[in-house]
Amino acid sequence: MRPIWFIVGFLSVALGTVGVVVPLLPTVPFMILAAYCFARSSARTHYWLVNHRVFGPAIEDWNRSGAISKSGKYAATLSILVVFSISVVMGLKPMVLSIQAVTLCAVMLFIWTRPHD
């Protein structure tokens, strides 16, 4: 089972890394998943990830208290507004915009109800 956990962790890091530059692909949830997988497969890789200078603090905040930093919340909010604005400018059908709006509002509700440090 350890090799499977390691592969899933590695793929999560890869997707999270791509998410740094692709607006709709989240970074931190993939890194949290990677930390979970590495904790079950490789102590060395888990240590590397949770002590990473960029990703480590967000993982630690989440592990400690389910927290999302204020800067993370603002970045997520800005990204969501930009993406939804692009959808509006593209002239997507009202039904698609409605589904997107409900989904993005649910995401924002989740993000803004998490504690922050």
PDB file of N, CA and C in Angstrom:
ATOM      1  N   MET A   1       0.803  -1.198   0.000  1.00  0.00           N
ATOM      2  CA  MET A   1       0.000   0.000   0.000  1.00  0.00           C
ATOM      3  C   MET A   1       0.857   1.279   0.000  1.00  0.00           C
ATOM      4  N   ARG A   2       2.050   1.199   0.597  1.00  0.00           N
ATOM      5  CA  ARG A   2       2.909   2.380   0.668  1.00  0.00           C
ATOM      6  C   ARG A   2       3.245   2.956  -0.704  1.00  0.00           C
ATOM      7  N   PRO A   3       3.547   2.127  -1.712  1.00  0.00           N
ATOM      8  CA  PRO A   3       3.834   2.701  -3.037  1.00  0.00           C
ATOM      9  C   PRO A   3       2.629   3.451  -3.625  1.00  0.00           C
ATOM     10  N   ILE A   4       1.440   2.960  -3.365  1.00  0.00           N
ATOM     11  CA  ILE A   4       0.246   3.639  -3.878  1.00  0.00           C
ATOM     12  C   ILE A   4       0.082   4.995  -3.201  1.00  0.00           C
ATOM     13  N   TRP A   5       0.263   5.042  -1.874  1.00  0.00           N
ATOM     14  CA  TRP A   5       0.190   6.318  -1.153  1.00  0.00           C
ATOM     15  C   TRP A   5       1.234   7.288  -1.697  1.00  0.00           C
ATOM     16  N   PHE A   6       2.445   6.775  -1.970  1.00  0.00           N
ATOM     17  CA  PHE A   6       3.511   7.635  -2.478  1.00  0.00           C
ATOM     18  C   PHE A   6       3.161   8.195  -3.851  1.00  0.00           C
ATOM     19  N   ILE A   7       2.638   7.353  -4.725  1.00  0.00           N
ATOM     20  CA  ILE A   7       2.273   7.797  -6.081  1.00  0.00           C
ATOM     21  C   ILE A   7       1.168   8.857  -6.016  1.00  0.00           C
ATOM     22  N   VAL A   8       0.153   8.606  -5.201  1.00  0.00           N
ATOM     23  CA  VAL A   8      -0.932   9.587  -5.060  1.00  0.00           C
ATOM     24  C   VAL A   8      -0.381  10.899  -4.481  1.00  0.00           C
ATOM     25  N   GLY A   9       0.529  10.800  -3.523  1.00  0.00           N
ATOM     26  CA  GLY A   9       1.162  12.000  -2.964  1.00  0.00           C
ATOM     27  C   GLY A   9       1.948  12.757  -4.010  1.00  0.00           C
ATOM     28  N   PHE A  10       2.716  12.034  -4.808  1.00  0.00           N
ATOM     29  CA  PHE A  10       3.512  12.657  -5.857  1.00  0.00           C
ATOM     30  C   PHE A  10       2.607  13.342  -6.882  1.00  0.00           C
ATOM     31  N   LEU A  11       1.534  12.667  -7.288  1.00  0.00           N
ATOM     32  CA  LEU A  11       0.599  13.269  -8.246  1.00  0.00           C
ATOM     33  C   LEU A  11      -0.080  14.505  -7.648  1.00  0.00           C
ATOM     34  N   SER A  12      -0.366  14.463  -6.363  1.00  0.00           N
ATOM     35  CA  SER A  12      -0.972  15.620  -5.695  1.00  0.00           C
ATOM     36  C   SER A  12      -0.024  16.810  -5.684  1.00  0.00           C
ATOM     37  N   VAL A  13       1.255  16.558  -5.426  1.00  0.00           N
ATOM     38  CA  VAL A  13       2.242  17.641  -5.472  1.00  0.00           C
ATOM     39  C   VAL A  13       2.324  18.205  -6.892  1.00  0.00           C
ATOM     40  N   ALA A  14       2.316  17.321  -7.883  1.00  0.00           N
ATOM     41  CA  ALA A  14       2.379  17.781  -9.274  1.00  0.00           C
ATOM     42  C   ALA A  14       1.170  18.656  -9.611  1.00  0.00           C
ATOM     43  N   LEU A  15      -0.037  18.203  -9.244  1.00  0.00           N
ATOM     44  CA  LEU A  15      -1.237  18.990  -9.526  1.00  0.00           C
ATOM     45  C   LEU A  15      -1.232  20.305  -8.743  1.00  0.00           C
ATOM     46  N   GLY A  16      -0.788  20.258  -7.496  1.00  0.00           N
ATOM     47  CA  GLY A  16      -0.702  21.478  -6.701  1.00  0.00           C
ATOM     48  C   GLY A  16       0.282  22.474  -7.281  1.00  0.00           C
ATOM     49  N   THR A  17       1.372  21.975  -7.819  1.00  0.00           N
ATOM     50  CA  THR A  17       2.371  22.839  -8.442  1.00  0.00           C
ATOM     51  C   THR A  17       1.799  23.487  -9.700  1.00  0.00           C
ATOM     52  N   VAL A  18       1.072  22.724 -10.489  1.00  0.00           N
ATOM     53  CA  VAL A  18       0.417  23.290 -11.669  1.00  0.00           C
ATOM     54  C   VAL A  18      -0.613  24.331 -11.229  1.00  0.00           C
ATOM     55  N   GLY A  19      -1.278  24.075 -10.101  1.00  0.00           N
ATOM     56  CA  GLY A  19      -2.277  25.000  -9.581  1.00  0.00           C
ATOM     57  C   GLY A  19      -1.725  26.355  -9.200  1.00  0.00           C
ATOM     58  N   VAL A  20      -0.420  26.456  -9.027  1.00  0.00           N
ATOM     59  CA  VAL A  20       0.185  27.753  -8.720  1.00  0.00           C
ATOM     60  C   VAL A  20      -0.031  28.723  -9.878  1.00  0.00           C
ATOM     61  N   VAL A  21      -0.029  28.211 -11.098  1.00  0.00           N
ATOM     62  CA  VAL A  21      -0.163  29.092 -12.260  1.00  0.00           C
ATOM     63  C   VAL A  21      -1.504  28.962 -12.985  1.00  0.00           C
ATOM     64  N   VAL A  22      -2.280  27.927 -12.702  1.00  0.00           N
ATOM     65  CA  VAL A  22      -3.585  27.738 -13.343  1.00  0.00           C
ATOM     66  C   VAL A  22      -4.669  28.154 -12.350  1.00  0.00           C
ATOM     67  N   PRO A  23      -5.427  29.206 -12.663  1.00  0.00           N
ATOM     68  CA  PRO A  23      -6.344  29.790 -11.688  1.00  0.00           C
ATOM     69  C   PRO A  23      -7.399  28.845 -11.109  1.00  0.00           C
ATOM     70  N   LEU A  24      -7.946  27.939 -11.870  1.00  0.00           N
ATOM     71  CA  LEU A  24      -9.034  27.099 -11.362  1.00  0.00           C
ATOM     72  C   LEU A  24      -8.556  25.846 -10.648  1.00  0.00           C
ATOM     73  N   LEU A  25      -7.278  25.588 -10.669  1.00  0.00           N
ATOM     74  CA  LEU A  25      -6.733  24.396 -10.024  1.00  0.00           C
ATOM     75  C   LEU A  25      -6.151  24.803  -8.670  1.00  0.00           C
ATOM     76  N   PRO A  26      -6.742  24.305  -7.581  1.00  0.00           N
ATOM     77  CA  PRO A  26      -6.270  24.734  -6.263  1.00  0.00           C
ATOM     78  C   PRO A  26      -4.902  24.148  -5.928  1.00  0.00           C
ATOM     79  N   THR A  27      -4.126  24.883  -5.181  1.00  0.00           N
ATOM     80  CA  THR A  27      -2.800  24.429  -4.792  1.00  0.00           C
ATOM     81  C   THR A  27      -2.815  23.779  -3.418  1.00  0.00           C
ATOM     82  N   VAL A  28      -3.278  24.503  -2.425  1.00  0.00           N
ATOM     83  CA  VAL A  28      -3.178  24.038  -1.039  1.00  0.00           C
ATOM     84  C   VAL A  28      -3.919  22.724  -0.780  1.00  0.00           C
ATOM     85  N   PRO A  29      -5.157  22.541  -1.290  1.00  0.00           N
ATOM     86  CA  PRO A  29      -5.802  21.239  -1.031  1.00  0.00           C
ATOM     87  C   PRO A  29      -4.995  20.052  -1.569  1.00  0.00           C
ATOM     88  N   PHE A  30      -4.353  20.239  -2.711  1.00  0.00           N
ATOM     89  CA  PHE A  30      -3.524  19.158  -3.243  1.00  0.00           C
ATOM     90  C   PHE A  30      -2.299  18.923  -2.369  1.00  0.00           C
ATOM     91  N   MET A  31      -1.732  19.993  -1.824  1.00  0.00           N
ATOM     92  CA  MET A  31      -0.570  19.830  -0.948  1.00  0.00           C
ATOM     93  C   MET A  31      -0.967  19.177   0.381  1.00  0.00           C
ATOM     94  N   ILE A  32      -2.153  19.501   0.874  1.00  0.00           N
ATOM     95  CA  ILE A  32      -2.635  18.841   2.093  1.00  0.00           C
ATOM     96  C   ILE A  32      -2.854  17.357   1.830  1.00  0.00           C
ATOM     97  N   LEU A  33      -3.443  17.037   0.687  1.00  0.00           N
ATOM     98  CA  LEU A  33      -3.617  15.630   0.312  1.00  0.00           C
ATOM     99  C   LEU A  33      -2.263  14.941   0.173  1.00  0.00           C
ATOM    100  N   ALA A  34      -1.302  15.620  -0.425  1.00  0.00           N
ATOM    101  CA  ALA A  34       0.038  15.047  -0.576  1.00  0.00           C
ATOM    102  C   ALA A  34       0.665  14.769   0.786  1.00  0.00           C
ATOM    103  N   ALA A  35       0.519  15.702   1.725  1.00  0.00           N
ATOM    104  CA  ALA A  35       1.066  15.499   3.074  1.00  0.00           C
ATOM    105  C   ALA A  35       0.426  14.281   3.728  1.00  0.00           C
ATOM    106  N   TYR A  36      -0.871  14.136   3.563  1.00  0.00           N
ATOM    107  CA  TYR A  36      -1.588  12.981   4.108  1.00  0.00           C
ATOM    108  C   TYR A  36      -1.036  11.679   3.509  1.00  0.00           C
ATOM    109  N   CYS A  37      -0.868  11.676   2.193  1.00  0.00           N
ATOM    110  CA  CYS A  37      -0.365  10.473   1.510  1.00  0.00           C
ATOM    111  C   CYS A  37       1.079  10.173   1.890  1.00  0.00           C
ATOM    112  N   PHE A  38       1.909  11.201   1.951  1.00  0.00           N
ATOM    113  CA  PHE A  38       3.307  10.989   2.305  1.00  0.00           C
ATOM    114  C   PHE A  38       3.459  10.537   3.751  1.00  0.00           C
ATOM    115  N   ALA A  39       2.561  10.965   4.626  1.00  0.00           N
ATOM    116  CA  ALA A  39       2.610  10.508   6.021  1.00  0.00           C
ATOM    117  C   ALA A  39       2.406   9.000   6.100  1.00  0.00           C
ATOM    118  N   ARG A  40       1.751   8.436   5.112  1.00  0.00           N
ATOM    119  CA  ARG A  40       1.497   7.001   5.073  1.00  0.00           C
ATOM    120  C   ARG A  40       2.474   6.229   4.206  1.00  0.00           C
ATOM    121  N   SER A  41       3.389   6.956   3.542  1.00  0.00           N
ATOM    122  CA  SER A  41       4.287   6.259   2.633  1.00  0.00           C
ATOM    123  C   SER A  41       5.765   6.560   2.848  1.00  0.00           C
ATOM    124  N   SER A  42       6.101   7.794   3.169  1.00  0.00           N
ATOM    125  CA  SER A  42       7.514   8.175   3.227  1.00  0.00           C
ATOM    126  C   SER A  42       7.719   9.292   4.254  1.00  0.00           C
ATOM    127  N   ALA A  43       8.323   8.956   5.370  1.00  0.00           N
ATOM    128  CA  ALA A  43       8.570   9.950   6.422  1.00  0.00           C
ATOM    129  C   ALA A  43       9.458  11.082   5.901  1.00  0.00           C
ATOM    130  N   ARG A  44      10.441  10.739   5.088  1.00  0.00           N
ATOM    131  CA  ARG A  44      11.362  11.752   4.567  1.00  0.00           C
ATOM    132  C   ARG A  44      10.641  12.756   3.656  1.00  0.00           C
ATOM    133  N   THR A  45       9.801  12.239   2.754  1.00  0.00           N
ATOM    134  CA  THR A  45       9.076  13.116   1.842  1.00  0.00           C
ATOM    135  C   THR A  45       8.027  13.931   2.594  1.00  0.00           C
ATOM    136  N   HIS A  46       7.379  13.313   3.574  1.00  0.00           N
ATOM    137  CA  HIS A  46       6.402  14.040   4.396  1.00  0.00           C
ATOM    138  C   HIS A  46       7.098  15.191   5.123  1.00  0.00           C
ATOM    139  N   TYR A  47       8.240  14.920   5.713  1.00  0.00           N
ATOM    140  CA  TYR A  47       9.001  15.960   6.409  1.00  0.00           C
ATOM    141  C   TYR A  47       9.368  17.092   5.457  1.00  0.00           C
ATOM    142  N   TRP A  48       9.822  16.726   4.254  1.00  0.00           N
ATOM    143  CA  TRP A  48      10.190  17.734   3.255  1.00  0.00           C
ATOM    144  C   TRP A  48       9.006  18.639   2.948  1.00  0.00           C
ATOM    145  N   LEU A  49       7.831  18.048   2.731  1.00  0.00           N
ATOM    146  CA  LEU A  49       6.669  18.832   2.330  1.00  0.00           C
ATOM    147  C   LEU A  49       6.154  19.722   3.464  1.00  0.00           C
ATOM    148  N   VAL A  50       6.017  19.184   4.662  1.00  0.00           N
ATOM    149  CA  VAL A  50       5.461  19.996   5.760  1.00  0.00           C
ATOM    150  C   VAL A  50       6.451  21.056   6.236  1.00  0.00           C
ATOM    151  N   ASN A  51       7.711  20.928   5.867  1.00  0.00           N
ATOM    152  CA  ASN A  51       8.706  21.947   6.212  1.00  0.00           C
ATOM    153  C   ASN A  51       9.107  22.809   5.015  1.00  0.00           C
ATOM    154  N   HIS A  52       8.398  22.652   3.911  1.00  0.00           N
ATOM    155  CA  HIS A  52       8.668  23.446   2.715  1.00  0.00           C
ATOM    156  C   HIS A  52       8.399  24.917   3.031  1.00  0.00           C
ATOM    157  N   ARG A  53       9.256  25.799   2.559  1.00  0.00           N
ATOM    158  CA  ARG A  53       9.128  27.221   2.910  1.00  0.00           C
ATOM    159  C   ARG A  53       7.868  27.850   2.333  1.00  0.00           C
ATOM    160  N   VAL A  54       7.340  27.356   1.221  1.00  0.00           N
ATOM    161  CA  VAL A  54       6.137  27.926   0.614  1.00  0.00           C
ATOM    162  C   VAL A  54       4.875  27.184   1.063  1.00  0.00           C
ATOM    163  N   PHE A  55       4.889  25.865   0.942  1.00  0.00           N
ATOM    164  CA  PHE A  55       3.680  25.081   1.200  1.00  0.00           C
ATOM    165  C   PHE A  55       3.527  24.668   2.662  1.00  0.00           C
ATOM    166  N   GLY A  56       4.615  24.583   3.378  1.00  0.00           N
ATOM    167  CA  GLY A  56       4.584  24.105   4.758  1.00  0.00           C
ATOM    168  C   GLY A  56       3.680  24.882   5.694  1.00  0.00           C
ATOM    169  N   PRO A  57       3.740  26.217   5.702  1.00  0.00           N
ATOM    170  CA  PRO A  57       2.885  26.971   6.633  1.00  0.00           C
ATOM    171  C   PRO A  57       1.383  26.727   6.417  1.00  0.00           C
ATOM    172  N   ALA A  58       0.946  26.654   5.171  1.00  0.00           N
ATOM    173  CA  ALA A  58      -0.477  26.405   4.899  1.00  0.00           C
ATOM    174  C   ALA A  58      -0.887  25.017   5.362  1.00  0.00           C
ATOM    175  N   ILE A  59      -0.013  24.039   5.165  1.00  0.00           N
ATOM    176  CA  ILE A  59      -0.305  22.670   5.616  1.00  0.00           C
ATOM    177  C   ILE A  59      -0.362  22.634   7.136  1.00  0.00           C
ATOM    178  N   GLU A  60       0.575  23.300   7.776  1.00  0.00           N
ATOM    179  CA  GLU A  60       0.603  23.330   9.240  1.00  0.00           C
ATOM    180  C   GLU A  60      -0.634  24.015   9.810  1.00  0.00           C
ATOM    181  N   ASP A  61      -1.031  25.138   9.218  1.00  0.00           N
ATOM    182  CA  ASP A  61      -2.245  25.833   9.666  1.00  0.00           C
ATOM    183  C   ASP A  61      -3.458  24.909   9.578  1.00  0.00           C
ATOM    184  N   TRP A  62      -3.555  24.206   8.457  1.00  0.00           N
ATOM    185  CA  TRP A  62      -4.698  23.310   8.264  1.00  0.00           C
ATOM    186  C   TRP A  62      -4.649  22.152   9.258  1.00  0.00           C
ATOM    187  N   ASN A  63      -3.486  21.550   9.428  1.00  0.00           N
ATOM    188  CA  ASN A  63      -3.358  20.424  10.360  1.00  0.00           C
ATOM    189  C   ASN A  63      -3.640  20.843  11.798  1.00  0.00           C
ATOM    190  N   ARG A  64      -3.199  22.028  12.162  1.00  0.00           N
ATOM    191  CA  ARG A  64      -3.353  22.501  13.530  1.00  0.00           C
ATOM    192  C   ARG A  64      -4.808  22.841  13.855  1.00  0.00           C
ATOM    193  N   SER A  65      -5.466  23.579  12.964  1.00  0.00           N
ATOM    194  CA  SER A  65      -6.794  24.066  13.333  1.00  0.00           C
ATOM    195  C   SER A  65      -7.771  24.212  12.170  1.00  0.00           C
ATOM    196  N   GLY A  66      -7.457  23.648  11.024  1.00  0.00           N
ATOM    197  CA  GLY A  66      -8.340  23.809   9.874  1.00  0.00           C
ATOM    198  C   GLY A  66      -8.369  25.243   9.379  1.00  0.00           C
ATOM    199  N   ALA A  67      -7.270  25.961   9.607  1.00  0.00           N
ATOM    200  CA  ALA A  67      -7.219  27.395   9.293  1.00  0.00           C
ATOM    201  C   ALA A  67      -6.730  27.653   7.874  1.00  0.00           C
ATOM    202  N   ILE A  68      -7.208  28.774   7.337  1.00  0.00           N
ATOM    203  CA  ILE A  68      -6.740  29.291   6.051  1.00  0.00           C
ATOM    204  C   ILE A  68      -6.306  30.730   6.319  1.00  0.00           C
ATOM    205  N   SER A  69      -5.108  31.082   5.914  1.00  0.00           N
ATOM    206  CA  SER A  69      -4.592  32.424   6.200  1.00  0.00           C
ATOM    207  C   SER A  69      -5.454  33.496   5.533  1.00  0.00           C
ATOM    208  N   LYS A  70      -5.418  34.697   6.105  1.00  0.00           N
ATOM    209  CA  LYS A  70      -6.174  35.804   5.518  1.00  0.00           C
ATOM    210  C   LYS A  70      -5.711  36.091   4.096  1.00  0.00           C
ATOM    211  N   SER A  71      -4.400  36.044   3.885  1.00  0.00           N
ATOM    212  CA  SER A  71      -3.907  36.308   2.529  1.00  0.00           C
ATOM    213  C   SER A  71      -4.392  35.228   1.558  1.00  0.00           C
ATOM    214  N   GLY A  72      -4.474  33.990   2.028  1.00  0.00           N
ATOM    215  CA  GLY A  72      -5.008  32.911   1.203  1.00  0.00           C
ATOM    216  C   GLY A  72      -6.476  33.123   0.875  1.00  0.00           C
ATOM    217  N   LYS A  73      -7.225  33.605   1.865  1.00  0.00           N
ATOM    218  CA  LYS A  73      -8.648  33.883   1.652  1.00  0.00           C
ATOM    219  C   LYS A  73      -8.829  35.008   0.631  1.00  0.00           C
ATOM    220  N   TYR A  74      -8.019  36.056   0.756  1.00  0.00           N
ATOM    221  CA  TYR A  74      -8.115  37.157  -0.194  1.00  0.00           C
ATOM    222  C   TYR A  74      -7.709  36.718  -1.597  1.00  0.00           C
ATOM    223  N   ALA A  75      -6.665  35.919  -1.698  1.00  0.00           N
ATOM    224  CA  ALA A  75      -6.224  35.425  -3.009  1.00  0.00           C
ATOM    225  C   ALA A  75      -7.302  34.551  -3.649  1.00  0.00           C
ATOM    226  N   ALA A  76      -7.923  33.685  -2.851  1.00  0.00           N
ATOM    227  CA  ALA A  76      -8.985  32.824  -3.361  1.00  0.00           C
ATOM    228  C   ALA A  76     -10.177  33.655  -3.824  1.00  0.00           C
ATOM    229  N   THR A  77     -10.527  34.659  -3.034  1.00  0.00           N
ATOM    230  CA  THR A  77     -11.653  35.525  -3.388  1.00  0.00           C
ATOM    231  C   THR A  77     -11.380  36.263  -4.700  1.00  0.00           C
ATOM    232  N   LEU A  78     -10.192  36.808  -4.823  1.00  0.00           N
ATOM    233  CA  LEU A  78      -9.829  37.519  -6.046  1.00  0.00           C
ATOM    234  C   LEU A  78      -9.867  36.577  -7.254  1.00  0.00           C
ATOM    235  N   SER A  79      -9.311  35.383  -7.098  1.00  0.00           N
ATOM    236  CA  SER A  79      -9.306  34.408  -8.196  1.00  0.00           C
ATOM    237  C   SER A  79     -10.723  34.046  -8.617  1.00  0.00           C
ATOM    238  N   ILE A  80     -11.579  33.837  -7.643  1.00  0.00           N
ATOM    239  CA  ILE A  80     -12.961  33.467  -7.946  1.00  0.00           C
ATOM    240  C   ILE A  80     -13.680  34.607  -8.662  1.00  0.00           C
ATOM    241  N   LEU A  81     -13.463  35.830  -8.206  1.00  0.00           N
ATOM    242  CA  LEU A  81     -14.087  36.977  -8.872  1.00  0.00           C
ATOM    243  C   LEU A  81     -13.596  37.128 -10.314  1.00  0.00           C
ATOM    244  N   VAL A  82     -12.307  36.943 -10.519  1.00  0.00           N
ATOM    245  CA  VAL A  82     -11.750  37.048 -11.869  1.00  0.00           C
ATOM    246  C   VAL A  82     -12.329  35.967 -12.776  1.00  0.00           C
ATOM    247  N   VAL A  83     -12.362  34.746 -12.288  1.00  0.00           N
ATOM    248  CA  VAL A  83     -12.871  33.632 -13.103  1.00  0.00           C
ATOM    249  C   VAL A  83     -14.347  33.848 -13.432  1.00  0.00           C
ATOM    250  N   PHE A  84     -15.140  34.259 -12.450  1.00  0.00           N
ATOM    251  CA  PHE A  84     -16.563  34.476 -12.713  1.00  0.00           C
ATOM    252  C   PHE A  84     -16.757  35.646 -13.677  1.00  0.00           C
ATOM    253  N   SER A  85     -15.953  36.683 -13.531  1.00  0.00           N
ATOM    254  CA  SER A  85     -16.041  37.824 -14.454  1.00  0.00           C
ATOM    255  C   SER A  85     -15.722  37.403 -15.883  1.00  0.00           C
ATOM    256  N   ILE A  86     -14.726  36.551 -16.034  1.00  0.00           N
ATOM    257  CA  ILE A  86     -14.386  36.042 -17.372  1.00  0.00           C
ATOM    258  C   ILE A  86     -15.573  35.280 -17.951  1.00  0.00           C
ATOM    259  N   SER A  87     -16.226  34.481 -17.121  1.00  0.00           N
ATOM    260  CA  SER A  87     -17.392  33.724 -17.593  1.00  0.00           C
ATOM    261  C   SER A  87     -18.509  34.658 -18.050  1.00  0.00           C
ATOM    262  N   VAL A  88     -18.727  35.738 -17.309  1.00  0.00           N
ATOM    263  CA  VAL A  88     -19.762  36.709 -17.671  1.00  0.00           C
ATOM    264  C   VAL A  88     -19.394  37.394 -18.985  1.00  0.00           C
ATOM    265  N   VAL A  89     -18.141  37.828 -19.105  1.00  0.00           N
ATOM    266  CA  VAL A  89     -17.687  38.509 -20.323  1.00  0.00           C
ATOM    267  C   VAL A  89     -17.772  37.579 -21.531  1.00  0.00           C
ATOM    268  N   MET A  90     -17.519  36.300 -21.322  1.00  0.00           N
ATOM    269  CA  MET A  90     -17.605  35.331 -22.424  1.00  0.00           C
ATOM    270  C   MET A  90     -19.040  35.105 -22.869  1.00  0.00           C
ATOM    271  N   GLY A  91     -19.987  35.559 -22.070  1.00  0.00           N
ATOM    272  CA  GLY A  91     -21.392  35.425 -22.450  1.00  0.00           C
ATOM    273  C   GLY A  91     -21.937  34.016 -22.293  1.00  0.00           C
ATOM    274  N   LEU A  92     -21.482  33.327 -21.263  1.00  0.00           N
ATOM    275  CA  LEU A  92     -21.999  31.977 -21.036  1.00  0.00           C
ATOM    276  C   LEU A  92     -23.496  32.012 -20.763  1.00  0.00           C
ATOM    277  N   LYS A  93     -24.160  30.898 -21.013  1.00  0.00           N
ATOM    278  CA  LYS A  93     -25.601  30.810 -20.812  1.00  0.00           C
ATOM    279  C   LYS A  93     -25.943  31.083 -19.344  1.00  0.00           C
ATOM    280  N   PRO A  94     -27.101  31.709 -19.111  1.00  0.00           N
ATOM    281  CA  PRO A  94     -27.499  32.017 -17.735  1.00  0.00           C
ATOM    282  C   PRO A  94     -27.523  30.790 -16.815  1.00  0.00           C
ATOM    283  N   MET A  95     -27.903  29.637 -17.329  1.00  0.00           N
ATOM    284  CA  MET A  95     -27.929  28.425 -16.503  1.00  0.00           C
ATOM    285  C   MET A  95     -26.516  28.047 -16.053  1.00  0.00           C
ATOM    286  N   VAL A  96     -25.568  28.143 -16.946  1.00  0.00           N
ATOM    287  CA  VAL A  96     -24.175  27.838 -16.610  1.00  0.00           C
ATOM    288  C   VAL A  96     -23.659  28.839 -15.583  1.00  0.00           C
ATOM    289  N   LEU A  97     -23.957  30.119 -15.794  1.00  0.00           N
ATOM    290  CA  LEU A  97     -23.537  31.146 -14.842  1.00  0.00           C
ATOM    291  C   LEU A  97     -24.180  30.922 -13.475  1.00  0.00           C
ATOM    292  N   SER A  98     -25.431  30.508 -13.470  1.00  0.00           N
ATOM    293  CA  SER A  98     -26.116  30.242 -12.200  1.00  0.00           C
ATOM    294  C   SER A  98     -25.466  29.096 -11.445  1.00  0.00           C
ATOM    295  N   ILE A  99     -25.176  28.021 -12.146  1.00  0.00           N
ATOM    296  CA  ILE A  99     -24.519  26.872 -11.510  1.00  0.00           C
ATOM    297  C   ILE A  99     -23.144  27.272 -10.995  1.00  0.00           C
ATOM    298  N   GLN A 100     -22.415  28.014 -11.823  1.00  0.00           N
ATOM    299  CA  GLN A 100     -21.092  28.471 -11.413  1.00  0.00           C
ATOM    300  C   GLN A 100     -21.193  29.398 -10.205  1.00  0.00           C
ATOM    301  N   ALA A 101     -22.150  30.296 -10.204  1.00  0.00           N
ATOM    302  CA  ALA A 101     -22.304  31.244  -9.093  1.00  0.00           C
ATOM    303  C   ALA A 101     -22.625  30.506  -7.791  1.00  0.00           C
ATOM    304  N   VAL A 102     -23.532  29.554  -7.843  1.00  0.00           N
ATOM    305  CA  VAL A 102     -23.896  28.798  -6.635  1.00  0.00           C
ATOM    306  C   VAL A 102     -22.686  28.021  -6.115  1.00  0.00           C
ATOM    307  N   THR A 103     -21.963  27.375  -7.021  1.00  0.00           N
ATOM    308  CA  THR A 103     -20.787  26.594  -6.629  1.00  0.00           C
ATOM    309  C   THR A 103     -19.704  27.498  -6.031  1.00  0.00           C
ATOM    310  N   LEU A 104     -19.428  28.602  -6.683  1.00  0.00           N
ATOM    311  CA  LEU A 104     -18.392  29.508  -6.190  1.00  0.00           C
ATOM    312  C   LEU A 104     -18.797  30.162  -4.871  1.00  0.00           C
ATOM    313  N   CYS A 105     -20.071  30.440  -4.701  1.00  0.00           N
ATOM    314  CA  CYS A 105     -20.533  30.979  -3.411  1.00  0.00           C
ATOM    315  C   CYS A 105     -20.350  29.957  -2.302  1.00  0.00           C
ATOM    316  N   ALA A 106     -20.628  28.694  -2.598  1.00  0.00           N
ATOM    317  CA  ALA A 106     -20.424  27.637  -1.597  1.00  0.00           C
ATOM    318  C   ALA A 106     -18.945  27.525  -1.236  1.00  0.00           C
ATOM    319  N   VAL A 107     -18.082  27.618  -2.234  1.00  0.00           N
ATOM    320  CA  VAL A 107     -16.642  27.573  -1.978  1.00  0.00           C
ATOM    321  C   VAL A 107     -16.226  28.762  -1.113  1.00  0.00           C
ATOM    322  N   MET A 108     -16.719  29.944  -1.446  1.00  0.00           N
ATOM    323  CA  MET A 108     -16.364  31.128  -0.665  1.00  0.00           C
ATOM    324  C   MET A 108     -16.890  31.033   0.766  1.00  0.00           C
ATOM    325  N   LEU A 109     -18.080  30.490   0.930  1.00  0.00           N
ATOM    326  CA  LEU A 109     -18.629  30.305   2.269  1.00  0.00           C
ATOM    327  C   LEU A 109     -17.729  29.384   3.082  1.00  0.00           C
ATOM    328  N   PHE A 110     -17.296  28.287   2.467  1.00  0.00           N
ATOM    329  CA  PHE A 110     -16.389  27.369   3.158  1.00  0.00           C
ATOM    330  C   PHE A 110     -15.092  28.086   3.534  1.00  0.00           C
ATOM    331  N   ILE A 111     -14.496  28.774   2.580  1.00  0.00           N
ATOM    332  CA  ILE A 111     -13.209  29.437   2.820  1.00  0.00           C
ATOM    333  C   ILE A 111     -13.322  30.479   3.927  1.00  0.00           C
ATOM    334  N   TRP A 112     -14.341  31.325   3.870  1.00  0.00           N
ATOM    335  CA  TRP A 112     -14.445  32.427   4.825  1.00  0.00           C
ATOM    336  C   TRP A 112     -14.966  32.012   6.196  1.00  0.00           C
ATOM    337  N   THR A 113     -15.477  30.775   6.314  1.00  0.00           N
ATOM    338  CA  THR A 113     -15.896  30.300   7.646  1.00  0.00           C
ATOM    339  C   THR A 113     -14.786  29.520   8.353  1.00  0.00           C
ATOM    340  N   ARG A 114     -13.666  29.289   7.682  1.00  0.00           N
ATOM    341  CA  ARG A 114     -12.521  28.647   8.323  1.00  0.00           C
ATOM    342  C   ARG A 114     -11.815  29.687   9.194  1.00  0.00           C
ATOM    343  N   PRO A 115     -11.241  29.247  10.280  1.00  0.00           N
ATOM    344  CA  PRO A 115     -10.472  30.194  11.100  1.00  0.00           C
ATOM    345  C   PRO A 115      -9.225  30.668  10.347  1.00  0.00           C
ATOM    346  N   HIS A 116      -8.681  31.777  10.769  1.00  0.00           N
ATOM    347  CA  HIS A 116      -7.409  32.262  10.213  1.00  0.00           C
ATOM    348  C   HIS A 116      -6.505  32.680  11.359  1.00  0.00           C
ATOM    349  N   ASP A 117      -5.231  32.769  11.029  1.00  0.00           N
ATOM    350  CA  ASP A 117      -4.257  33.100  12.084  1.00  0.00           C
ATOM    351  C   ASP A 117      -3.966  34.562  12.156  1.00  0.00           C
TER     352      ASP A 117
END
